[in-house]
Amino acid sequence: MVATHLDPSQCATAAWWRASIERGQGRAFYNMLKEFKDFALKGNVVDLAIGVIIGAAFGKIVDSMVGDIFMPLIAAIIGTVDFSNLYLVLKGTAAAGAGLADAKKTATVLGWGNFMTMAINFIIIAWVLFMVVRGMNSLKKAEAAAPTAPAEPPVQEKLLTEIRDLLKK
């Protein structure tokens, strides 16, 4: 026989839940959920999440710029497009034209090609972040330097000034 309806009073989990609510533990759980919701929906956390997502997208743009624009220009000078397999044999012998992974099996190698790609990525990211911070600082300076017009006094103050001036006459 298959049960089509579960009576909560007969369920062990429901009994535990009911007992924990009676002991006041259920309210603590709900309070913790409310506190978590307040924390998760604060502006700073949401701003951080957006920043991480934009940063990931920016990283892809930089990788594309390095891989599709800078590396081909450098490859035209050096003569190869695949920088990841550029290395210098320090000790031992590696077969001519062997990839970096194969060369590492037979010799001690310095893989400078991949390092060069990562260094170019870093320089581009550092430059762009520098320019962003520089732009934000100049906006803050311009905002601070801009003279603000004095706020117009409230209506009551204007009326009191008029009354004072009339009384002086």
C-alpha atoms as a PDB file:
ATOM      1  CA  MET A   1       0.000   0.000   0.000  1.00  0.00           C
ATOM      2  CA  VAL A   2       1.371   3.411  -1.038  1.00  0.00           C
ATOM      3  CA  ALA A   3       0.719   6.380   1.206  1.00  0.00           C
ATOM      4  CA  THR A   4      -0.895   9.180  -0.736  1.00  0.00           C
ATOM      5  CA  HIS A   5      -0.979  11.635   2.136  1.00  0.00           C
ATOM      6  CA  LEU A   6       1.570  12.103   4.887  1.00  0.00           C
ATOM      7  CA  ASP A   7       0.289  13.256   8.228  1.00  0.00           C
ATOM      8  CA  PRO A   8       2.905  15.666   9.664  1.00  0.00           C
ATOM      9  CA  SER A   9       2.161  14.484  13.174  1.00  0.00           C
ATOM     10  CA  GLN A  10       3.337  10.985  12.212  1.00  0.00           C
ATOM     11  CA  CYS A  11       6.579  12.091  10.573  1.00  0.00           C
ATOM     12  CA  ALA A  12       9.700  11.931  12.789  1.00  0.00           C
ATOM     13  CA  THR A  13      11.211  14.978  11.083  1.00  0.00           C
ATOM     14  CA  ALA A  14       8.043  16.982  11.638  1.00  0.00           C
ATOM     15  CA  ALA A  15       8.037  15.977  15.308  1.00  0.00           C
ATOM     16  CA  TRP A  16      11.656  17.076  15.682  1.00  0.00           C
ATOM     17  CA  TRP A  17      10.919  20.359  13.906  1.00  0.00           C
ATOM     18  CA  ARG A  18       7.848  21.010  16.065  1.00  0.00           C
ATOM     19  CA  ALA A  19       9.823  20.240  19.228  1.00  0.00           C
ATOM     20  CA  SER A  20      12.688  22.513  18.170  1.00  0.00           C
ATOM     21  CA  ILE A  21      10.240  25.354  17.496  1.00  0.00           C
ATOM     22  CA  GLU A  22       8.684  24.839  20.930  1.00  0.00           C
ATOM     23  CA  ARG A  23      12.167  25.047  22.477  1.00  0.00           C
ATOM     24  CA  GLY A  24      12.787  28.300  20.600  1.00  0.00           C
ATOM     25  CA  GLN A  25      15.356  26.861  18.191  1.00  0.00           C
ATOM     26  CA  GLY A  26      13.177  27.408  15.135  1.00  0.00           C
ATOM     27  CA  ARG A  27      13.103  31.148  15.742  1.00  0.00           C
ATOM     28  CA  ALA A  28      16.874  31.176  15.962  1.00  0.00           C
ATOM     29  CA  PHE A  29      17.080  29.422  12.614  1.00  0.00           C
ATOM     30  CA  TYR A  30      14.676  31.902  11.033  1.00  0.00           C
ATOM     31  CA  ASN A  31      16.592  34.799  12.613  1.00  0.00           C
ATOM     32  CA  MET A  32      19.815  33.400  11.166  1.00  0.00           C
ATOM     33  CA  LEU A  33      18.189  33.158   7.702  1.00  0.00           C
ATOM     34  CA  LYS A  34      16.954  36.742   8.002  1.00  0.00           C
ATOM     35  CA  GLU A  35      20.406  37.917   9.079  1.00  0.00           C
ATOM     36  CA  PHE A  36      21.988  36.062   6.142  1.00  0.00           C
ATOM     37  CA  LYS A  37      19.499  37.636   3.720  1.00  0.00           C
ATOM     38  CA  ASP A  38      20.268  41.102   5.100  1.00  0.00           C
ATOM     39  CA  PHE A  39      24.001  40.435   4.714  1.00  0.00           C
ATOM     40  CA  ALA A  40      23.752  38.930   1.223  1.00  0.00           C
ATOM     41  CA  LEU A  41      21.612  41.741  -0.125  1.00  0.00           C
ATOM     42  CA  LYS A  42      23.697  44.595   1.253  1.00  0.00           C
ATOM     43  CA  GLY A  43      25.000  46.930  -1.392  1.00  0.00           C
ATOM     44  CA  ASN A  44      28.651  46.072  -0.744  1.00  0.00           C
ATOM     45  CA  VAL A  45      28.200  42.345  -1.293  1.00  0.00           C
ATOM     46  CA  VAL A  46      26.221  42.873  -4.487  1.00  0.00           C
ATOM     47  CA  ASP A  47      28.795  45.422  -5.704  1.00  0.00           C
ATOM     48  CA  LEU A  48      31.585  42.936  -4.993  1.00  0.00           C
ATOM     49  CA  ALA A  49      29.790  40.200  -6.921  1.00  0.00           C
ATOM     50  CA  ILE A  50      29.300  42.514  -9.893  1.00  0.00           C
ATOM     51  CA  GLY A  51      32.955  43.518  -9.710  1.00  0.00           C
ATOM     52  CA  VAL A  52      34.079  39.889  -9.769  1.00  0.00           C
ATOM     53  CA  ILE A  53      31.917  39.146 -12.802  1.00  0.00           C
ATOM     54  CA  ILE A  54      33.150  42.229 -14.658  1.00  0.00           C
ATOM     55  CA  GLY A  55      36.726  41.333 -13.678  1.00  0.00           C
ATOM     56  CA  ALA A  56      36.344  37.858 -15.161  1.00  0.00           C
ATOM     57  CA  ALA A  57      35.007  39.324 -18.397  1.00  0.00           C
ATOM     58  CA  PHE A  58      37.830  41.887 -18.417  1.00  0.00           C
ATOM     59  CA  GLY A  59      40.356  39.058 -18.005  1.00  0.00           C
ATOM     60  CA  LYS A  60      38.983  37.386 -21.123  1.00  0.00           C
ATOM     61  CA  ILE A  61      39.292  40.636 -23.052  1.00  0.00           C
ATOM     62  CA  VAL A  62      42.902  41.045 -21.949  1.00  0.00           C
ATOM     63  CA  ASP A  63      43.686  37.418 -22.859  1.00  0.00           C
ATOM     64  CA  SER A  64      42.222  38.020 -26.298  1.00  0.00           C
ATOM     65  CA  MET A  65      44.159  41.269 -26.713  1.00  0.00           C
ATOM     66  CA  VAL A  66      47.411  39.559 -25.779  1.00  0.00           C
ATOM     67  CA  GLY A  67      46.770  36.388 -27.782  1.00  0.00           C
ATOM     68  CA  ASP A  68      45.241  37.990 -30.865  1.00  0.00           C
ATOM     69  CA  ILE A  69      46.993  41.370 -31.111  1.00  0.00           C
ATOM     70  CA  PHE A  70      50.272  41.576 -29.211  1.00  0.00           C
ATOM     71  CA  MET A  71      51.556  38.015 -29.594  1.00  0.00           C
ATOM     72  CA  PRO A  72      51.201  37.942 -33.399  1.00  0.00           C
ATOM     73  CA  LEU A  73      53.176  41.208 -33.565  1.00  0.00           C
ATOM     74  CA  ILE A  74      55.874  39.750 -31.338  1.00  0.00           C
ATOM     75  CA  ALA A  75      55.692  36.485 -33.321  1.00  0.00           C
ATOM     76  CA  ALA A  76      56.411  38.427 -36.500  1.00  0.00           C
ATOM     77  CA  ILE A  77      59.647  39.567 -34.880  1.00  0.00           C
ATOM     78  CA  ILE A  78      60.601  36.250 -33.240  1.00  0.00           C
ATOM     79  CA  GLY A  79      59.255  33.961 -35.948  1.00  0.00           C
ATOM     80  CA  THR A  80      56.813  31.718 -34.055  1.00  0.00           C
ATOM     81  CA  VAL A  81      53.214  32.119 -32.969  1.00  0.00           C
ATOM     82  CA  ASP A  82      53.058  29.507 -30.179  1.00  0.00           C
ATOM     83  CA  PHE A  83      54.936  31.041 -27.259  1.00  0.00           C
ATOM     84  CA  SER A  84      53.988  28.306 -24.795  1.00  0.00           C
ATOM     85  CA  ASN A  85      56.580  25.952 -26.338  1.00  0.00           C
ATOM     86  CA  LEU A  86      59.477  28.394 -26.272  1.00  0.00           C
ATOM     87  CA  TYR A  87      62.108  27.290 -23.789  1.00  0.00           C
ATOM     88  CA  LEU A  88      65.811  27.259 -23.063  1.00  0.00           C
ATOM     89  CA  VAL A  89      67.560  23.950 -22.273  1.00  0.00           C
ATOM     90  CA  LEU A  90      69.597  24.383 -19.089  1.00  0.00           C
ATOM     91  CA  LYS A  91      70.810  20.815 -18.577  1.00  0.00           C
ATOM     92  CA  GLY A  92      70.450  17.675 -20.639  1.00  0.00           C
ATOM     93  CA  THR A  93      69.294  17.338 -24.221  1.00  0.00           C
ATOM     94  CA  ALA A  94      65.916  17.842 -25.779  1.00  0.00           C
ATOM     95  CA  ALA A  95      64.901  16.748 -29.256  1.00  0.00           C
ATOM     96  CA  ALA A  96      64.849  19.583 -31.778  1.00  0.00           C
ATOM     97  CA  GLY A  97      61.349  20.952 -32.185  1.00  0.00           C
ATOM     98  CA  ALA A  98      60.034  19.082 -29.127  1.00  0.00           C
ATOM     99  CA  GLY A  99      57.249  20.721 -27.176  1.00  0.00           C
ATOM    100  CA  LEU A 100      57.816  22.060 -23.677  1.00  0.00           C
ATOM    101  CA  ALA A 101      56.154  19.061 -21.998  1.00  0.00           C
ATOM    102  CA  ASP A 102      58.337  16.589 -23.955  1.00  0.00           C
ATOM    103  CA  ALA A 103      61.474  18.637 -23.314  1.00  0.00           C
ATOM    104  CA  LYS A 104      60.769  18.650 -19.564  1.00  0.00           C
ATOM    105  CA  LYS A 105      60.777  14.833 -19.603  1.00  0.00           C
ATOM    106  CA  THR A 106      64.310  14.606 -20.954  1.00  0.00           C
ATOM    107  CA  ALA A 107      66.010  17.800 -19.817  1.00  0.00           C
ATOM    108  CA  THR A 108      65.943  20.703 -17.391  1.00  0.00           C
ATOM    109  CA  VAL A 109      64.380  23.580 -19.264  1.00  0.00           C
ATOM    110  CA  LEU A 110      63.479  27.193 -18.631  1.00  0.00           C
ATOM    111  CA  GLY A 111      60.041  27.771 -20.201  1.00  0.00           C
ATOM    112  CA  TRP A 112      60.212  31.491 -20.879  1.00  0.00           C
ATOM    113  CA  GLY A 113      57.486  31.663 -23.563  1.00  0.00           C
ATOM    114  CA  ASN A 114      54.541  31.095 -21.243  1.00  0.00           C
ATOM    115  CA  PHE A 115      56.066  33.470 -18.688  1.00  0.00           C
ATOM    116  CA  MET A 116      56.338  36.148 -21.366  1.00  0.00           C
ATOM    117  CA  THR A 117      52.628  35.772 -22.197  1.00  0.00           C
ATOM    118  CA  MET A 118      51.642  36.063 -18.519  1.00  0.00           C
ATOM    119  CA  ALA A 119      53.931  39.080 -18.022  1.00  0.00           C
ATOM    120  CA  ILE A 120      52.306  40.884 -20.961  1.00  0.00           C
ATOM    121  CA  ASN A 121      48.855  40.063 -19.505  1.00  0.00           C
ATOM    122  CA  PHE A 122      49.915  41.501 -16.159  1.00  0.00           C
ATOM    123  CA  ILE A 123      51.331  44.684 -17.673  1.00  0.00           C
ATOM    124  CA  ILE A 124      48.128  45.324 -19.642  1.00  0.00           C
ATOM    125  CA  ILE A 125      45.882  44.718 -16.614  1.00  0.00           C
ATOM    126  CA  ALA A 126      48.088  46.859 -14.363  1.00  0.00           C
ATOM    127  CA  TRP A 127      48.091  49.691 -16.928  1.00  0.00           C
ATOM    128  CA  VAL A 128      44.322  49.653 -17.377  1.00  0.00           C
ATOM    129  CA  LEU A 129      43.731  49.589 -13.608  1.00  0.00           C
ATOM    130  CA  PHE A 130      46.202  52.449 -13.186  1.00  0.00           C
ATOM    131  CA  MET A 131      44.306  54.478 -15.782  1.00  0.00           C
ATOM    132  CA  VAL A 132      40.959  53.727 -14.088  1.00  0.00           C
ATOM    133  CA  VAL A 133      42.257  54.787 -10.665  1.00  0.00           C
ATOM    134  CA  ARG A 134      43.886  57.863 -12.182  1.00  0.00           C
ATOM    135  CA  GLY A 135      40.597  58.821 -13.864  1.00  0.00           C
ATOM    136  CA  MET A 136      38.644  58.322 -10.645  1.00  0.00           C
ATOM    137  CA  ASN A 137      41.148  60.445  -8.709  1.00  0.00           C
ATOM    138  CA  SER A 138      40.897  63.262 -11.256  1.00  0.00           C
ATOM    139  CA  LEU A 139      37.087  63.137 -11.018  1.00  0.00           C
ATOM    140  CA  LYS A 140      37.289  63.366  -7.233  1.00  0.00           C
ATOM    141  CA  LYS A 141      39.687  66.341  -7.477  1.00  0.00           C
ATOM    142  CA  ALA A 142      37.424  68.107  -9.975  1.00  0.00           C
ATOM    143  CA  GLU A 143      34.413  67.429  -7.778  1.00  0.00           C
ATOM    144  CA  ALA A 144      36.200  68.817  -4.718  1.00  0.00           C
ATOM    145  CA  ALA A 145      37.533  71.852  -6.597  1.00  0.00           C
ATOM    146  CA  ALA A 146      34.188  72.832  -8.100  1.00  0.00           C
ATOM    147  CA  PRO A 147      32.730  75.640  -5.963  1.00  0.00           C
ATOM    148  CA  THR A 148      29.279  74.887  -4.771  1.00  0.00           C
ATOM    149  CA  ALA A 149      26.724  77.653  -4.792  1.00  0.00           C
ATOM    150  CA  PRO A 150      25.459  78.495  -1.322  1.00  0.00           C
ATOM    151  CA  ALA A 151      22.149  76.905  -0.603  1.00  0.00           C
ATOM    152  CA  GLU A 152      19.190  79.229  -0.752  1.00  0.00           C
ATOM    153  CA  PRO A 153      17.862  79.974   2.743  1.00  0.00           C
ATOM    154  CA  PRO A 154      14.496  78.511   3.697  1.00  0.00           C
ATOM    155  CA  VAL A 155      11.319  80.545   3.229  1.00  0.00           C
ATOM    156  CA  GLN A 156      10.959  81.242   6.962  1.00  0.00           C
ATOM    157  CA  GLU A 157      14.455  82.696   7.095  1.00  0.00           C
ATOM    158  CA  LYS A 158      13.714  84.958   4.099  1.00  0.00           C
ATOM    159  CA  LEU A 159      10.531  86.195   5.778  1.00  0.00           C
ATOM    160  CA  LEU A 160      12.342  86.833   9.055  1.00  0.00           C
ATOM    161  CA  THR A 161      15.042  88.783   7.179  1.00  0.00           C
ATOM    162  CA  GLU A 162      12.382  90.932   5.497  1.00  0.00           C
ATOM    163  CA  ILE A 163      10.673  91.568   8.823  1.00  0.00           C
ATOM    164  CA  ARG A 164      14.001  92.549  10.416  1.00  0.00           C
ATOM    165  CA  ASP A 165      14.766  94.902   7.554  1.00  0.00           C
ATOM    166  CA  LEU A 166      11.289  96.489   7.844  1.00  0.00           C
ATOM    167  CA  LEU A 167      11.709  96.954  11.607  1.00  0.00           C
ATOM    168  CA  LYS A 168      15.072  98.665  11.083  1.00  0.00           C
ATOM    169  CA  LYS A 169      13.354 101.368   8.967  1.00  0.00           C
END
